[in-house]
Amino acid sequence: MADQPLKAHFVADPIELPDGRRVRVSAYPDGSIRFKVDGLPYVLTEAYLSGNPEKDKAILKISPGKQGSSASHNYAELLESRNKDKG
C-alpha cells in the first residue's frame, strides 16, 4: 500500500489579497510547508532555498502565469484594473 499523505498539523487562516484571491499556508510534521493560492495559473519566478540557515531565509515568488506570455492581455494589468474598479 502506498504511503498516506501527511495531515497538516497547522493550517493558517486564509489571507485575502486586495483583488479577492486567497492564500493559505499549511505546515506538516515532516517540516514541509504548503502554499495554496487562488487565481491560477502561476509560474515560479524566484526561488532562494539555500544559504546559511542561521541568517538566510527561504524565499519563493510566484507570478501570474499569463504575465509575459503571448496572451491577449497582461494578467498583471488585468488585476491592476480590477483593483482600480474596486477603489
N, C-alpha and C. Protein backbone atom coordinates (compact mmCIF):
# COMPACT_ATOMS: atom_id res chain seq x y z
N MET A 1 0.84 -1.19 0.00
CA MET A 1 0.00 0.00 0.00
C MET A 1 0.88 1.24 0.00
N ALA A 2 0.52 2.21 -0.78
CA ALA A 2 1.31 3.46 -0.87
C ALA A 2 1.21 4.23 0.44
N ASP A 3 2.24 5.02 0.72
CA ASP A 3 2.22 5.86 1.91
C ASP A 3 1.07 6.84 1.83
N GLN A 4 0.43 7.05 2.96
CA GLN A 4 -0.65 8.02 3.03
C GLN A 4 -0.05 9.42 3.14
N PRO A 5 -0.66 10.41 2.51
CA PRO A 5 -0.14 11.78 2.63
C PRO A 5 -0.21 12.24 4.08
N LEU A 6 0.76 13.04 4.48
CA LEU A 6 0.75 13.58 5.83
C LEU A 6 -0.39 14.55 6.02
N LYS A 7 -0.98 14.54 7.19
CA LYS A 7 -2.01 15.51 7.52
C LYS A 7 -1.34 16.74 8.11
N ALA A 8 -1.75 17.91 7.67
CA ALA A 8 -1.18 19.16 8.18
C ALA A 8 -1.44 19.25 9.67
N HIS A 9 -0.41 19.66 10.41
CA HIS A 9 -0.62 19.86 11.84
C HIS A 9 -0.83 21.33 12.16
N PHE A 10 -0.73 22.20 11.15
CA PHE A 10 -1.04 23.61 11.31
C PHE A 10 -1.54 24.15 9.98
N VAL A 11 -2.68 24.81 10.00
CA VAL A 11 -3.21 25.47 8.81
C VAL A 11 -3.58 26.89 9.22
N ALA A 12 -2.93 27.86 8.60
CA ALA A 12 -3.19 29.27 8.92
C ALA A 12 -4.53 29.71 8.35
N ASP A 13 -5.12 30.70 8.99
CA ASP A 13 -6.32 31.31 8.43
C ASP A 13 -5.98 31.88 7.06
N PRO A 14 -6.89 31.80 6.11
CA PRO A 14 -6.61 32.35 4.78
C PRO A 14 -6.35 33.86 4.84
N ILE A 15 -5.46 34.31 3.99
CA ILE A 15 -5.17 35.73 3.83
C ILE A 15 -5.88 36.15 2.54
N GLU A 16 -6.73 37.17 2.62
CA GLU A 16 -7.39 37.65 1.42
C GLU A 16 -6.60 38.83 0.86
N LEU A 17 -6.21 38.71 -0.41
CA LEU A 17 -5.46 39.76 -1.09
C LEU A 17 -6.43 40.84 -1.58
N PRO A 18 -5.93 42.03 -1.88
CA PRO A 18 -6.81 43.13 -2.30
C PRO A 18 -7.69 42.80 -3.50
N ASP A 19 -7.23 41.91 -4.39
CA ASP A 19 -8.03 41.58 -5.58
C ASP A 19 -8.97 40.41 -5.35
N GLY A 20 -9.07 39.92 -4.10
CA GLY A 20 -10.00 38.85 -3.78
C GLY A 20 -9.40 37.46 -3.75
N ARG A 21 -8.20 37.29 -4.29
CA ARG A 21 -7.55 35.99 -4.21
C ARG A 21 -7.23 35.66 -2.76
N ARG A 22 -7.15 34.37 -2.45
CA ARG A 22 -6.86 33.95 -1.09
C ARG A 22 -5.61 33.08 -1.06
N VAL A 23 -4.83 33.21 0.01
CA VAL A 23 -3.60 32.44 0.21
C VAL A 23 -3.73 31.72 1.55
N ARG A 24 -3.35 30.45 1.57
CA ARG A 24 -3.37 29.67 2.81
C ARG A 24 -2.04 28.93 2.93
N VAL A 25 -1.51 28.89 4.14
CA VAL A 25 -0.25 28.21 4.42
C VAL A 25 -0.53 27.06 5.38
N SER A 26 0.04 25.89 5.07
CA SER A 26 -0.08 24.72 5.94
C SER A 26 1.31 24.21 6.27
N ALA A 27 1.48 23.68 7.47
CA ALA A 27 2.76 23.09 7.89
C ALA A 27 2.52 21.63 8.24
N TYR A 28 3.50 20.79 7.96
CA TYR A 28 3.39 19.35 8.13
C TYR A 28 4.44 18.84 9.11
N PRO A 29 4.15 17.69 9.74
CA PRO A 29 5.07 17.14 10.74
C PRO A 29 6.48 16.85 10.21
N ASP A 30 6.62 16.62 8.90
CA ASP A 30 7.94 16.34 8.34
C ASP A 30 8.75 17.61 8.07
N GLY A 31 8.20 18.78 8.42
CA GLY A 31 8.89 20.04 8.21
C GLY A 31 8.53 20.74 6.92
N SER A 32 7.75 20.11 6.07
CA SER A 32 7.38 20.73 4.80
C SER A 32 6.30 21.79 5.02
N ILE A 33 6.23 22.71 4.06
CA ILE A 33 5.27 23.81 4.09
C ILE A 33 4.55 23.82 2.75
N ARG A 34 3.24 24.04 2.79
CA ARG A 34 2.45 24.08 1.56
C ARG A 34 1.76 25.43 1.46
N PHE A 35 1.78 26.00 0.26
CA PHE A 35 1.11 27.27 -0.02
C PHE A 35 -0.01 26.98 -1.02
N LYS A 36 -1.21 27.39 -0.68
CA LYS A 36 -2.35 27.23 -1.58
C LYS A 36 -2.82 28.62 -1.97
N VAL A 37 -2.86 28.90 -3.28
CA VAL A 37 -3.17 30.23 -3.78
C VAL A 37 -4.27 30.13 -4.83
N ASP A 38 -5.31 30.96 -4.70
CA ASP A 38 -6.37 31.04 -5.71
C ASP A 38 -5.85 31.82 -6.92
N GLY A 39 -6.52 31.67 -8.05
CA GLY A 39 -6.25 32.51 -9.21
C GLY A 39 -5.23 31.94 -10.16
N LEU A 40 -5.28 30.67 -10.45
CA LEU A 40 -4.32 30.04 -11.36
C LEU A 40 -4.43 30.64 -12.75
N PRO A 41 -3.44 30.55 -13.58
CA PRO A 41 -2.17 29.84 -13.38
C PRO A 41 -1.09 30.76 -12.81
N TYR A 42 -0.09 30.15 -12.20
CA TYR A 42 1.08 30.85 -11.69
C TYR A 42 2.34 30.18 -12.21
N VAL A 43 3.41 30.93 -12.25
CA VAL A 43 4.73 30.37 -12.56
C VAL A 43 5.67 30.78 -11.44
N LEU A 44 6.63 29.90 -11.15
CA LEU A 44 7.64 30.19 -10.14
C LEU A 44 8.65 31.16 -10.76
N THR A 45 8.78 32.36 -10.20
CA THR A 45 9.67 33.36 -10.77
C THR A 45 10.88 33.65 -9.91
N GLU A 46 10.88 33.18 -8.66
CA GLU A 46 12.05 33.35 -7.80
C GLU A 46 12.04 32.25 -6.76
N ALA A 47 13.20 31.63 -6.55
CA ALA A 47 13.33 30.61 -5.50
C ALA A 47 14.73 30.70 -4.92
N TYR A 48 14.80 31.04 -3.66
CA TYR A 48 16.06 31.08 -2.94
C TYR A 48 15.89 30.12 -1.77
N LEU A 49 16.49 28.94 -1.88
CA LEU A 49 16.22 27.88 -0.93
C LEU A 49 17.46 27.37 -0.21
N SER A 50 18.59 27.97 -0.44
CA SER A 50 19.80 27.52 0.23
C SER A 50 20.58 28.70 0.77
N GLY A 51 21.64 28.44 1.44
CA GLY A 51 22.44 29.50 2.02
C GLY A 51 22.77 29.16 3.46
N ASN A 52 23.06 30.15 4.23
CA ASN A 52 23.39 29.97 5.63
C ASN A 52 22.09 29.87 6.44
N PRO A 53 21.77 28.69 6.99
CA PRO A 53 20.49 28.54 7.70
C PRO A 53 20.37 29.39 8.95
N GLU A 54 21.47 29.91 9.46
CA GLU A 54 21.41 30.75 10.66
C GLU A 54 21.02 32.19 10.35
N LYS A 55 21.27 32.66 9.12
CA LYS A 55 20.94 34.05 8.82
C LYS A 55 20.11 34.25 7.56
N ASP A 56 20.03 33.24 6.68
CA ASP A 56 19.26 33.37 5.45
C ASP A 56 17.86 32.81 5.63
N LYS A 57 16.97 33.20 4.75
CA LYS A 57 15.59 32.73 4.77
C LYS A 57 15.23 32.18 3.40
N ALA A 58 14.33 31.22 3.36
CA ALA A 58 13.83 30.71 2.09
C ALA A 58 12.87 31.74 1.50
N ILE A 59 12.98 31.97 0.20
CA ILE A 59 12.11 32.92 -0.50
C ILE A 59 11.55 32.22 -1.73
N LEU A 60 10.24 32.28 -1.88
CA LEU A 60 9.57 31.78 -3.07
C LEU A 60 8.68 32.88 -3.60
N LYS A 61 8.73 33.10 -4.90
CA LYS A 61 7.86 34.11 -5.51
C LYS A 61 7.18 33.46 -6.71
N ILE A 62 5.86 33.59 -6.75
CA ILE A 62 5.12 33.13 -7.92
C ILE A 62 4.44 34.34 -8.55
N SER A 63 4.32 34.29 -9.85
CA SER A 63 3.69 35.39 -10.60
C SER A 63 2.59 34.81 -11.47
N PRO A 64 1.61 35.62 -11.83
CA PRO A 64 0.55 35.11 -12.71
C PRO A 64 1.14 34.52 -13.97
N GLY A 65 0.68 33.34 -14.34
CA GLY A 65 1.23 32.61 -15.48
C GLY A 65 1.07 33.31 -16.81
N LYS A 66 0.09 34.18 -16.93
CA LYS A 66 -0.12 34.86 -18.20
C LYS A 66 0.82 36.04 -18.37
N GLN A 67 1.46 36.47 -17.30
CA GLN A 67 2.36 37.62 -17.38
C GLN A 67 3.55 37.27 -18.27
N GLY A 68 3.80 38.08 -19.27
CA GLY A 68 4.92 37.84 -20.17
C GLY A 68 4.64 36.81 -21.24
N SER A 69 3.44 36.27 -21.27
CA SER A 69 3.11 35.27 -22.28
C SER A 69 2.52 35.96 -23.50
N SER A 70 2.12 35.15 -24.47
CA SER A 70 1.54 35.71 -25.68
C SER A 70 0.03 35.89 -25.54
N ALA A 71 -0.45 35.91 -24.30
CA ALA A 71 -1.89 36.12 -24.08
C ALA A 71 -2.30 37.48 -24.61
N SER A 72 -3.57 37.61 -24.89
CA SER A 72 -4.05 38.86 -25.50
C SER A 72 -3.98 40.04 -24.55
N HIS A 73 -3.88 39.80 -23.26
CA HIS A 73 -3.71 40.89 -22.31
C HIS A 73 -2.74 40.44 -21.22
N ASN A 74 -2.14 41.37 -20.57
CA ASN A 74 -1.21 41.07 -19.50
C ASN A 74 -2.01 40.87 -18.22
N TYR A 75 -1.86 39.72 -17.60
CA TYR A 75 -2.66 39.37 -16.43
C TYR A 75 -2.43 40.34 -15.28
N ALA A 76 -1.21 40.80 -15.12
CA ALA A 76 -0.92 41.77 -14.05
C ALA A 76 -1.71 43.06 -14.28
N GLU A 77 -1.81 43.49 -15.53
CA GLU A 77 -2.60 44.68 -15.84
C GLU A 77 -4.08 44.43 -15.57
N LEU A 78 -4.55 43.22 -15.84
CA LEU A 78 -5.94 42.88 -15.57
C LEU A 78 -6.22 42.98 -14.07
N LEU A 79 -5.33 42.43 -13.24
CA LEU A 79 -5.51 42.52 -11.80
C LEU A 79 -5.49 43.97 -11.33
N GLU A 80 -4.59 44.75 -11.90
CA GLU A 80 -4.48 46.17 -11.54
C GLU A 80 -5.79 46.90 -11.87
N SER A 81 -6.36 46.61 -13.04
CA SER A 81 -7.60 47.28 -13.42
C SER A 81 -8.75 46.85 -12.51
N ARG A 82 -8.76 45.60 -12.08
CA ARG A 82 -9.79 45.13 -11.13
C ARG A 82 -9.68 45.88 -9.82
N ASN A 83 -8.44 46.08 -9.35
CA ASN A 83 -8.23 46.80 -8.10
C ASN A 83 -8.71 48.24 -8.21
N LYS A 84 -8.46 48.89 -9.34
CA LYS A 84 -8.89 50.28 -9.55
C LYS A 84 -10.41 50.36 -9.56
N ASP A 85 -11.07 49.35 -10.17
CA ASP A 85 -12.53 49.34 -10.24
C ASP A 85 -13.15 49.21 -8.86
N LYS A 86 -12.48 48.50 -7.94
CA LYS A 86 -13.00 48.32 -6.59
C LYS A 86 -12.80 49.57 -5.74
N GLY A 87 -11.75 50.36 -6.05
CA GLY A 87 -11.40 51.51 -5.22
C GLY A 87 -12.12 52.71 -5.66
